[in-house]
Every structure is written in structure tokens, then in C-alpha cells.
Amino acid sequence: PLGLIAYRRSIARLPVPGGYDPTSWPVIDEIGEAWYAKPDAGQLIVSPADEDPLPAQDAWADDMILAEGLARFETMIKHPITRPSANWAGLRTFAPDRALVIGSDPKLPSFFWLAGQGGYGFQTAAASSQLIADLVLGQRSDLPKDIQNRLNPNRFHQRA
């Protein structure tokens, strides 16, 4: 009812080129997000930063998209990429305006939405869970009202 859209995001786990220890490495992100890489379990996870809309389903990495993303990543490093040790994909769900959806449904006020994290659920978990708890319990939130309004599911019903 809110127009949520699921997008595929593919990931490959790679042995670290050159045998380096990536433990303290930061996230590496190409301008424009044509790929990103970050340390994970002693290896690197690299994503082509794909965002293909798909119906809700078990998602699988697209081999061609993954290969293209890894090729873009490889042009930025000094060592060739070896065979990925694993690959997978997941679905990231966004609202049409790409903002989180947090609040009670305007047509069914006892139903509360916490949706559209778009792959940023871990980063937004503390603030979004506090806001939804405040709303469910009918407590005043410390989050500024203008931000609450930008997240409120009612914003989609006002357009109709």
C-alpha cells in the first residue's frame, strides 16, 4: 500500500589481494558508488552496488553484474582479483521517496510501519527503534517533529 520497492544488491567475498590483513581497513567506495568494498571475516566483500528492482523473492547474485562490478573494482587496485570465495544477493526495500517509513498507518492506526530501510537497517536501528517505541507507547519523541513528519507513512496518503 505504500509503494515499497525491493532492489537486488549483489555481493562477492574475495580473498584479500596481495595477502594483506584488511582488519583495520575502512569501507572503500568509488565516487558515484559504482562499487564498494569493506573487510569481512578476514576477506573483502565487494559489491557492484547494483540496484535492480525485483518482485519479493529469494534473490541471487547476477553473475554478469557481479563480474562487471569486480572488474571496476580491479581497475582501482594493484593486484588481480582471484576467484570469489562466495557470492550472494539480498533485497533492499525502499519507499518511493527513499526515506524510511516509521509510524502508524493512517487507515489502520493500530498498525505501525517500520519499513524501507533500504540496506541501512543496522545504521538506523537505534534511532528508528526508539522512534517506533515512542510512537507505539504514545510517548513524546526526542526526534524533531519535521523529521518525524518526513518519515510518517501518512505522507503517501496525502498525495492521493
N, C-alpha and C. Protein backbone atom coordinates (compact mmCIF):
# COMPACT_ATOMS: atom_id res chain seq x y z
N PRO A 1 0.80 -1.22 0.00
CA PRO A 1 0.00 0.00 0.00
C PRO A 1 0.84 1.28 0.00
N LEU A 2 2.11 1.20 0.36
CA LEU A 2 2.94 2.40 0.39
C LEU A 2 3.81 2.54 -0.85
N GLY A 3 3.74 1.58 -1.74
CA GLY A 3 4.58 1.63 -2.94
C GLY A 3 6.01 1.20 -2.68
N LEU A 4 6.23 0.34 -1.68
CA LEU A 4 7.58 -0.13 -1.38
C LEU A 4 8.12 -0.92 -2.57
N ILE A 5 9.40 -0.73 -2.86
CA ILE A 5 10.05 -1.41 -3.99
C ILE A 5 11.29 -2.12 -3.48
N ALA A 6 11.45 -3.39 -3.86
CA ALA A 6 12.63 -4.18 -3.49
C ALA A 6 13.66 -4.10 -4.62
N TYR A 7 14.91 -3.88 -4.25
CA TYR A 7 16.02 -3.82 -5.21
C TYR A 7 17.09 -4.84 -4.82
N ARG A 8 17.62 -5.55 -5.82
CA ARG A 8 18.68 -6.52 -5.56
C ARG A 8 20.01 -5.80 -5.32
N ARG A 9 20.79 -6.33 -4.36
CA ARG A 9 22.17 -5.89 -4.13
C ARG A 9 23.02 -7.15 -4.08
N SER A 10 24.00 -7.26 -4.98
CA SER A 10 24.87 -8.43 -5.07
C SER A 10 26.18 -8.17 -4.34
N ILE A 11 26.74 -9.24 -3.79
CA ILE A 11 27.99 -9.16 -3.01
C ILE A 11 28.86 -10.35 -3.38
N ALA A 12 30.17 -10.14 -3.42
CA ALA A 12 31.12 -11.24 -3.53
C ALA A 12 32.12 -11.12 -2.39
N ARG A 13 32.48 -12.24 -1.80
CA ARG A 13 33.55 -12.26 -0.79
C ARG A 13 34.81 -12.73 -1.50
N LEU A 14 35.90 -11.97 -1.33
CA LEU A 14 37.15 -12.25 -2.02
C LEU A 14 38.30 -12.41 -1.05
N PRO A 15 39.24 -13.30 -1.36
CA PRO A 15 40.49 -13.27 -0.62
C PRO A 15 41.13 -11.90 -0.85
N VAL A 16 41.81 -11.38 0.14
CA VAL A 16 42.41 -10.05 0.01
C VAL A 16 43.57 -10.10 -0.98
N PRO A 17 43.53 -9.28 -2.03
CA PRO A 17 44.64 -9.26 -2.99
C PRO A 17 45.95 -8.91 -2.29
N GLY A 18 47.01 -9.61 -2.65
CA GLY A 18 48.33 -9.32 -2.09
C GLY A 18 48.55 -9.89 -0.70
N GLY A 19 47.57 -10.60 -0.15
CA GLY A 19 47.73 -11.21 1.16
C GLY A 19 47.73 -10.25 2.33
N TYR A 20 47.25 -9.03 2.13
CA TYR A 20 47.21 -8.04 3.21
C TYR A 20 46.17 -8.42 4.27
N ASP A 21 46.33 -7.86 5.47
CA ASP A 21 45.34 -8.04 6.53
C ASP A 21 44.38 -6.85 6.48
N PRO A 22 43.12 -7.06 6.12
CA PRO A 22 42.18 -5.95 5.96
C PRO A 22 41.45 -5.53 7.25
N THR A 23 41.80 -6.16 8.37
CA THR A 23 41.04 -5.97 9.60
C THR A 23 40.74 -4.52 9.92
N SER A 24 41.72 -3.65 9.77
CA SER A 24 41.52 -2.24 10.15
C SER A 24 41.18 -1.34 8.95
N TRP A 25 40.93 -1.93 7.80
CA TRP A 25 40.62 -1.12 6.62
C TRP A 25 39.24 -0.48 6.73
N PRO A 26 39.08 0.69 6.18
CA PRO A 26 37.74 1.32 6.15
C PRO A 26 36.93 0.78 4.97
N VAL A 27 35.69 1.19 4.89
CA VAL A 27 34.90 0.93 3.69
C VAL A 27 35.52 1.75 2.57
N ILE A 28 35.69 1.14 1.42
CA ILE A 28 36.24 1.82 0.25
C ILE A 28 35.08 1.96 -0.74
N ASP A 29 34.83 3.18 -1.17
CA ASP A 29 33.65 3.44 -2.00
C ASP A 29 34.07 4.31 -3.18
N GLU A 30 33.77 3.86 -4.38
CA GLU A 30 34.10 4.64 -5.56
C GLU A 30 33.10 5.79 -5.70
N ILE A 31 33.57 6.94 -6.13
CA ILE A 31 32.67 8.08 -6.31
C ILE A 31 31.55 7.67 -7.26
N GLY A 32 30.34 7.97 -6.88
CA GLY A 32 29.19 7.55 -7.68
C GLY A 32 28.70 6.16 -7.33
N GLU A 33 29.38 5.52 -6.41
CA GLU A 33 29.06 4.16 -5.94
C GLU A 33 28.88 3.18 -7.10
N ALA A 34 29.91 3.06 -7.95
CA ALA A 34 29.92 2.03 -8.98
C ALA A 34 30.37 0.70 -8.39
N TRP A 35 30.93 0.73 -7.19
CA TRP A 35 31.29 -0.45 -6.40
C TRP A 35 31.66 0.03 -5.00
N TYR A 36 31.68 -0.88 -4.06
CA TYR A 36 32.25 -0.60 -2.74
C TYR A 36 32.84 -1.88 -2.20
N ALA A 37 33.79 -1.74 -1.28
CA ALA A 37 34.44 -2.89 -0.66
C ALA A 37 34.64 -2.60 0.81
N LYS A 38 34.59 -3.65 1.61
CA LYS A 38 34.88 -3.49 3.04
C LYS A 38 35.34 -4.83 3.60
N PRO A 39 36.13 -4.76 4.68
CA PRO A 39 36.62 -6.00 5.28
C PRO A 39 35.48 -6.80 5.90
N ASP A 40 35.63 -8.13 5.82
CA ASP A 40 34.63 -9.01 6.40
C ASP A 40 35.27 -10.38 6.60
N ALA A 41 35.34 -10.83 7.84
CA ALA A 41 35.82 -12.17 8.16
C ALA A 41 37.20 -12.46 7.56
N GLY A 42 38.11 -11.48 7.62
CA GLY A 42 39.46 -11.67 7.10
C GLY A 42 39.58 -11.59 5.60
N GLN A 43 38.48 -11.31 4.93
CA GLN A 43 38.48 -11.15 3.48
C GLN A 43 37.84 -9.81 3.15
N LEU A 44 37.57 -9.58 1.89
CA LEU A 44 36.86 -8.38 1.47
C LEU A 44 35.50 -8.78 0.91
N ILE A 45 34.49 -8.00 1.22
CA ILE A 45 33.26 -8.14 0.46
C ILE A 45 33.21 -6.95 -0.49
N VAL A 46 32.90 -7.25 -1.73
CA VAL A 46 32.86 -6.25 -2.78
C VAL A 46 31.49 -6.33 -3.44
N SER A 47 30.90 -5.17 -3.66
CA SER A 47 29.60 -5.12 -4.32
C SER A 47 29.67 -4.21 -5.53
N PRO A 48 29.01 -4.59 -6.62
CA PRO A 48 28.91 -3.69 -7.76
C PRO A 48 27.91 -2.57 -7.51
N ALA A 49 27.34 -2.54 -6.31
CA ALA A 49 26.35 -1.52 -5.93
C ALA A 49 25.15 -1.55 -6.88
N ASP A 50 24.80 -2.76 -7.32
CA ASP A 50 23.65 -2.89 -8.22
C ASP A 50 22.36 -2.58 -7.47
N GLU A 51 21.38 -2.18 -8.22
CA GLU A 51 20.10 -1.82 -7.64
C GLU A 51 19.02 -2.11 -8.68
N ASP A 52 18.77 -3.40 -8.88
CA ASP A 52 17.78 -3.83 -9.86
C ASP A 52 16.45 -4.09 -9.16
N PRO A 53 15.35 -3.43 -9.59
CA PRO A 53 14.06 -3.71 -8.95
C PRO A 53 13.61 -5.14 -9.26
N LEU A 54 13.16 -5.83 -8.23
CA LEU A 54 12.69 -7.20 -8.37
C LEU A 54 11.44 -7.40 -7.53
N PRO A 55 10.58 -8.33 -7.92
CA PRO A 55 9.48 -8.68 -7.01
C PRO A 55 10.07 -9.39 -5.78
N ALA A 56 9.34 -9.38 -4.68
CA ALA A 56 9.80 -10.06 -3.47
C ALA A 56 10.06 -11.53 -3.79
N GLN A 57 11.27 -12.00 -3.48
CA GLN A 57 11.67 -13.37 -3.79
C GLN A 57 13.00 -13.66 -3.12
N ASP A 58 13.45 -14.91 -3.21
CA ASP A 58 14.81 -15.23 -2.81
C ASP A 58 15.71 -14.66 -3.89
N ALA A 59 16.60 -13.77 -3.52
CA ALA A 59 17.45 -13.11 -4.52
C ALA A 59 18.75 -13.88 -4.70
N TRP A 60 19.23 -13.89 -5.92
CA TRP A 60 20.51 -14.50 -6.27
C TRP A 60 21.37 -13.44 -6.95
N ALA A 61 22.66 -13.51 -6.74
CA ALA A 61 23.57 -12.58 -7.41
C ALA A 61 23.52 -12.83 -8.91
N ASP A 62 23.50 -11.77 -9.68
CA ASP A 62 23.56 -11.85 -11.14
C ASP A 62 25.04 -11.94 -11.51
N ASP A 63 25.46 -13.05 -12.12
CA ASP A 63 26.88 -13.28 -12.40
C ASP A 63 27.49 -12.18 -13.26
N MET A 64 26.76 -11.70 -14.27
CA MET A 64 27.30 -10.67 -15.15
C MET A 64 27.46 -9.34 -14.41
N ILE A 65 26.47 -8.96 -13.64
CA ILE A 65 26.56 -7.71 -12.88
C ILE A 65 27.70 -7.79 -11.87
N LEU A 66 27.84 -8.95 -11.22
CA LEU A 66 28.92 -9.15 -10.26
C LEU A 66 30.28 -9.05 -10.96
N ALA A 67 30.41 -9.70 -12.11
CA ALA A 67 31.68 -9.66 -12.86
C ALA A 67 32.02 -8.23 -13.30
N GLU A 68 31.02 -7.48 -13.75
CA GLU A 68 31.27 -6.09 -14.16
C GLU A 68 31.70 -5.24 -12.97
N GLY A 69 31.05 -5.42 -11.83
CA GLY A 69 31.43 -4.66 -10.63
C GLY A 69 32.82 -5.02 -10.15
N LEU A 70 33.16 -6.31 -10.17
CA LEU A 70 34.50 -6.73 -9.76
C LEU A 70 35.55 -6.20 -10.73
N ALA A 71 35.23 -6.13 -12.01
CA ALA A 71 36.17 -5.56 -12.99
C ALA A 71 36.41 -4.08 -12.71
N ARG A 72 35.36 -3.34 -12.35
CA ARG A 72 35.53 -1.92 -11.99
C ARG A 72 36.40 -1.79 -10.75
N PHE A 73 36.18 -2.66 -9.76
CA PHE A 73 36.98 -2.65 -8.53
C PHE A 73 38.44 -2.97 -8.86
N GLU A 74 38.66 -3.97 -9.70
CA GLU A 74 40.02 -4.42 -10.01
C GLU A 74 40.85 -3.32 -10.68
N THR A 75 40.21 -2.41 -11.42
CA THR A 75 40.98 -1.33 -12.05
C THR A 75 41.53 -0.35 -11.02
N MET A 76 41.04 -0.40 -9.79
CA MET A 76 41.45 0.55 -8.76
C MET A 76 42.47 -0.03 -7.79
N ILE A 77 42.84 -1.30 -7.95
CA ILE A 77 43.78 -1.93 -7.03
C ILE A 77 45.00 -2.42 -7.80
N LYS A 78 46.06 -2.76 -7.07
CA LYS A 78 47.32 -3.14 -7.72
C LYS A 78 47.46 -4.63 -7.98
N HIS A 79 46.60 -5.44 -7.39
CA HIS A 79 46.72 -6.88 -7.53
C HIS A 79 45.48 -7.44 -8.22
N PRO A 80 45.67 -8.49 -9.02
CA PRO A 80 44.49 -9.07 -9.68
C PRO A 80 43.57 -9.76 -8.68
N ILE A 81 42.32 -9.80 -9.02
CA ILE A 81 41.33 -10.48 -8.19
C ILE A 81 41.36 -11.96 -8.51
N THR A 82 41.34 -12.76 -7.45
CA THR A 82 41.22 -14.21 -7.64
C THR A 82 39.74 -14.57 -7.57
N ARG A 83 39.48 -15.82 -7.68
CA ARG A 83 38.09 -16.31 -7.66
C ARG A 83 37.40 -15.95 -6.33
N PRO A 84 36.18 -15.42 -6.38
CA PRO A 84 35.45 -15.14 -5.14
C PRO A 84 35.25 -16.42 -4.33
N SER A 85 35.35 -16.30 -3.01
CA SER A 85 35.11 -17.46 -2.16
C SER A 85 33.62 -17.69 -1.94
N ALA A 86 32.81 -16.66 -2.16
CA ALA A 86 31.35 -16.79 -2.03
C ALA A 86 30.70 -15.59 -2.71
N ASN A 87 29.44 -15.75 -3.06
CA ASN A 87 28.65 -14.60 -3.53
C ASN A 87 27.20 -14.81 -3.14
N TRP A 88 26.49 -13.72 -3.02
CA TRP A 88 25.08 -13.78 -2.66
C TRP A 88 24.44 -12.45 -3.03
N ALA A 89 23.15 -12.39 -2.85
CA ALA A 89 22.42 -11.14 -3.08
C ALA A 89 21.31 -11.05 -2.05
N GLY A 90 20.87 -9.86 -1.83
CA GLY A 90 19.74 -9.62 -0.94
C GLY A 90 18.86 -8.54 -1.55
N LEU A 91 17.68 -8.41 -1.00
CA LEU A 91 16.77 -7.37 -1.46
C LEU A 91 16.76 -6.23 -0.45
N ARG A 92 16.90 -5.03 -0.94
CA ARG A 92 16.86 -3.81 -0.13
C ARG A 92 15.57 -3.09 -0.50
N THR A 93 14.75 -2.82 0.50
CA THR A 93 13.44 -2.25 0.24
C THR A 93 13.43 -0.75 0.51
N PHE A 94 12.90 0.00 -0.45
CA PHE A 94 12.81 1.46 -0.34
C PHE A 94 11.37 1.91 -0.53
N ALA A 95 11.03 3.00 0.13
CA ALA A 95 9.79 3.71 -0.16
C ALA A 95 10.03 4.52 -1.44
N PRO A 96 8.97 4.98 -2.11
CA PRO A 96 9.15 5.74 -3.35
C PRO A 96 10.06 6.97 -3.20
N ASP A 97 10.06 7.62 -2.03
CA ASP A 97 10.92 8.79 -1.83
C ASP A 97 12.26 8.43 -1.19
N ARG A 98 12.50 7.13 -0.98
CA ARG A 98 13.74 6.57 -0.45
C ARG A 98 14.01 6.93 1.01
N ALA A 99 13.04 7.47 1.71
CA ALA A 99 13.17 7.72 3.15
C ALA A 99 12.52 6.56 3.90
N LEU A 100 12.95 6.34 5.14
CA LEU A 100 12.34 5.30 5.96
C LEU A 100 10.86 5.60 6.17
N VAL A 101 10.10 4.58 6.48
CA VAL A 101 8.68 4.71 6.79
C VAL A 101 8.51 4.27 8.23
N ILE A 102 8.17 5.22 9.11
CA ILE A 102 8.05 4.92 10.54
C ILE A 102 6.81 5.62 11.08
N GLY A 103 5.84 4.83 11.52
CA GLY A 103 4.66 5.42 12.13
C GLY A 103 3.43 4.57 11.91
N SER A 104 2.32 5.04 12.46
CA SER A 104 1.07 4.28 12.34
C SER A 104 0.45 4.50 10.96
N ASP A 105 -0.22 3.47 10.50
CA ASP A 105 -0.88 3.54 9.21
C ASP A 105 -2.11 4.45 9.33
N PRO A 106 -2.26 5.40 8.41
CA PRO A 106 -3.39 6.32 8.52
C PRO A 106 -4.76 5.65 8.38
N LYS A 107 -4.81 4.52 7.70
CA LYS A 107 -6.10 3.83 7.52
C LYS A 107 -6.34 2.78 8.61
N LEU A 108 -5.29 2.35 9.28
CA LEU A 108 -5.39 1.36 10.34
C LEU A 108 -4.43 1.78 11.46
N PRO A 109 -4.82 2.72 12.31
CA PRO A 109 -3.91 3.33 13.28
C PRO A 109 -3.26 2.37 14.27
N SER A 110 -3.82 1.18 14.45
CA SER A 110 -3.19 0.22 15.37
C SER A 110 -2.05 -0.56 14.69
N PHE A 111 -1.87 -0.35 13.37
CA PHE A 111 -0.77 -0.99 12.64
C PHE A 111 0.34 0.03 12.47
N PHE A 112 1.56 -0.35 12.90
CA PHE A 112 2.70 0.56 12.82
C PHE A 112 3.70 0.05 11.78
N TRP A 113 4.13 0.97 10.93
CA TRP A 113 5.13 0.68 9.91
C TRP A 113 6.53 0.99 10.43
N LEU A 114 7.46 0.10 10.13
CA LEU A 114 8.89 0.36 10.27
C LEU A 114 9.51 -0.34 9.07
N ALA A 115 9.59 0.37 7.97
CA ALA A 115 9.94 -0.24 6.68
C ALA A 115 10.80 0.70 5.85
N GLY A 116 11.29 0.16 4.74
CA GLY A 116 12.02 0.97 3.78
C GLY A 116 13.42 1.35 4.21
N GLN A 117 14.09 0.48 4.98
CA GLN A 117 15.44 0.81 5.43
C GLN A 117 16.46 0.78 4.29
N GLY A 118 16.15 0.12 3.21
CA GLY A 118 16.99 0.16 2.02
C GLY A 118 18.43 -0.25 2.23
N GLY A 119 18.68 -1.21 3.10
CA GLY A 119 20.05 -1.65 3.32
C GLY A 119 20.75 -0.89 4.42
N TYR A 120 20.06 0.02 5.07
CA TYR A 120 20.67 0.81 6.14
C TYR A 120 20.03 0.52 7.49
N GLY A 121 19.44 -0.66 7.64
CA GLY A 121 18.76 -1.03 8.87
C GLY A 121 19.67 -1.04 10.08
N PHE A 122 20.89 -1.56 9.93
CA PHE A 122 21.82 -1.58 11.06
C PHE A 122 22.21 -0.17 11.47
N GLN A 123 22.47 0.68 10.48
CA GLN A 123 22.89 2.05 10.80
C GLN A 123 21.77 2.89 11.39
N THR A 124 20.54 2.59 11.06
CA THR A 124 19.42 3.40 11.55
C THR A 124 18.67 2.74 12.70
N ALA A 125 19.09 1.54 13.11
CA ALA A 125 18.34 0.75 14.08
C ALA A 125 18.11 1.47 15.41
N ALA A 126 19.12 2.08 15.96
CA ALA A 126 18.95 2.71 17.29
C ALA A 126 17.91 3.82 17.24
N ALA A 127 18.03 4.71 16.29
CA ALA A 127 17.10 5.85 16.21
C ALA A 127 15.71 5.40 15.77
N SER A 128 15.64 4.52 14.78
CA SER A 128 14.32 4.12 14.29
C SER A 128 13.58 3.28 15.32
N SER A 129 14.28 2.42 16.05
CA SER A 129 13.60 1.62 17.07
C SER A 129 13.14 2.49 18.23
N GLN A 130 13.92 3.52 18.57
CA GLN A 130 13.48 4.44 19.63
C GLN A 130 12.24 5.21 19.19
N LEU A 131 12.23 5.68 17.95
CA LEU A 131 11.07 6.41 17.46
C LEU A 131 9.83 5.52 17.42
N ILE A 132 9.95 4.31 16.88
CA ILE A 132 8.76 3.46 16.80
C ILE A 132 8.27 3.09 18.20
N ALA A 133 9.19 2.87 19.14
CA ALA A 133 8.78 2.58 20.52
C ALA A 133 8.01 3.76 21.11
N ASP A 134 8.53 4.97 20.91
CA ASP A 134 7.84 6.16 21.41
C ASP A 134 6.44 6.28 20.80
N LEU A 135 6.33 6.04 19.51
CA LEU A 135 5.04 6.16 18.84
C LEU A 135 4.05 5.10 19.32
N VAL A 136 4.51 3.86 19.43
CA VAL A 136 3.63 2.78 19.87
C VAL A 136 3.15 3.03 21.30
N LEU A 137 4.06 3.53 22.15
CA LEU A 137 3.71 3.77 23.56
C LEU A 137 3.03 5.12 23.79
N GLY A 138 2.90 5.90 22.72
CA GLY A 138 2.26 7.21 22.85
C GLY A 138 3.09 8.21 23.62
N GLN A 139 4.41 8.05 23.58
CA GLN A 139 5.31 8.96 24.28
C GLN A 139 5.86 10.01 23.33
N ARG A 140 6.28 11.13 23.89
CA ARG A 140 6.90 12.19 23.10
C ARG A 140 8.29 11.73 22.67
N SER A 141 8.60 11.91 21.40
CA SER A 141 9.91 11.53 20.88
C SER A 141 10.86 12.72 20.93
N ASP A 142 12.14 12.43 21.15
CA ASP A 142 13.17 13.47 21.11
C ASP A 142 13.52 13.86 19.68
N LEU A 143 13.09 13.07 18.71
CA LEU A 143 13.37 13.36 17.31
C LEU A 143 12.55 14.58 16.88
N PRO A 144 13.18 15.55 16.23
CA PRO A 144 12.43 16.75 15.81
C PRO A 144 11.19 16.39 14.98
N LYS A 145 10.14 17.15 15.17
CA LYS A 145 8.85 16.88 14.53
C LYS A 145 8.95 16.89 13.01
N ASP A 146 9.78 17.78 12.44
CA ASP A 146 9.89 17.82 10.98
C ASP A 146 10.47 16.52 10.44
N ILE A 147 11.39 15.91 11.17
CA ILE A 147 11.94 14.62 10.74
C ILE A 147 10.89 13.53 10.89
N GLN A 148 10.17 13.53 12.00
CA GLN A 148 9.09 12.56 12.18
C GLN A 148 8.08 12.65 11.03
N ASN A 149 7.75 13.86 10.64
CA ASN A 149 6.78 14.05 9.54
C ASN A 149 7.32 13.50 8.22
N ARG A 150 8.63 13.64 7.98
CA ARG A 150 9.23 13.13 6.74
C ARG A 150 9.25 11.61 6.69
N LEU A 151 9.14 10.96 7.86
CA LEU A 151 9.16 9.50 7.93
C LEU A 151 7.76 8.89 8.04
N ASN A 152 6.79 9.70 8.35
CA ASN A 152 5.43 9.24 8.62
C ASN A 152 4.79 8.63 7.36
N PRO A 153 4.18 7.44 7.49
CA PRO A 153 3.54 6.83 6.32
C PRO A 153 2.40 7.66 5.74
N ASN A 154 1.87 8.56 6.51
CA ASN A 154 0.78 9.42 6.03
C ASN A 154 1.21 10.26 4.82
N ARG A 155 2.50 10.47 4.65
CA ARG A 155 2.98 11.30 3.53
C ARG A 155 2.57 10.72 2.18
N PHE A 156 2.37 9.41 2.10
CA PHE A 156 1.97 8.79 0.84
C PHE A 156 0.47 8.92 0.60
N HIS A 157 -0.30 8.99 1.64
CA HIS A 157 -1.75 9.10 1.51
C HIS A 157 -2.18 10.54 1.26
N GLN A 158 -1.35 11.50 1.63
CA GLN A 158 -1.67 12.91 1.40
C GLN A 158 -1.62 13.26 -0.08
N ARG A 159 -0.83 12.52 -0.84
CA ARG A 159 -0.67 12.80 -2.28
C ARG A 159 -1.89 12.38 -3.09
N ALA A 160 -2.58 11.37 -2.59
CA ALA A 160 -3.69 10.79 -3.37
C ALA A 160 -4.90 11.70 -3.42
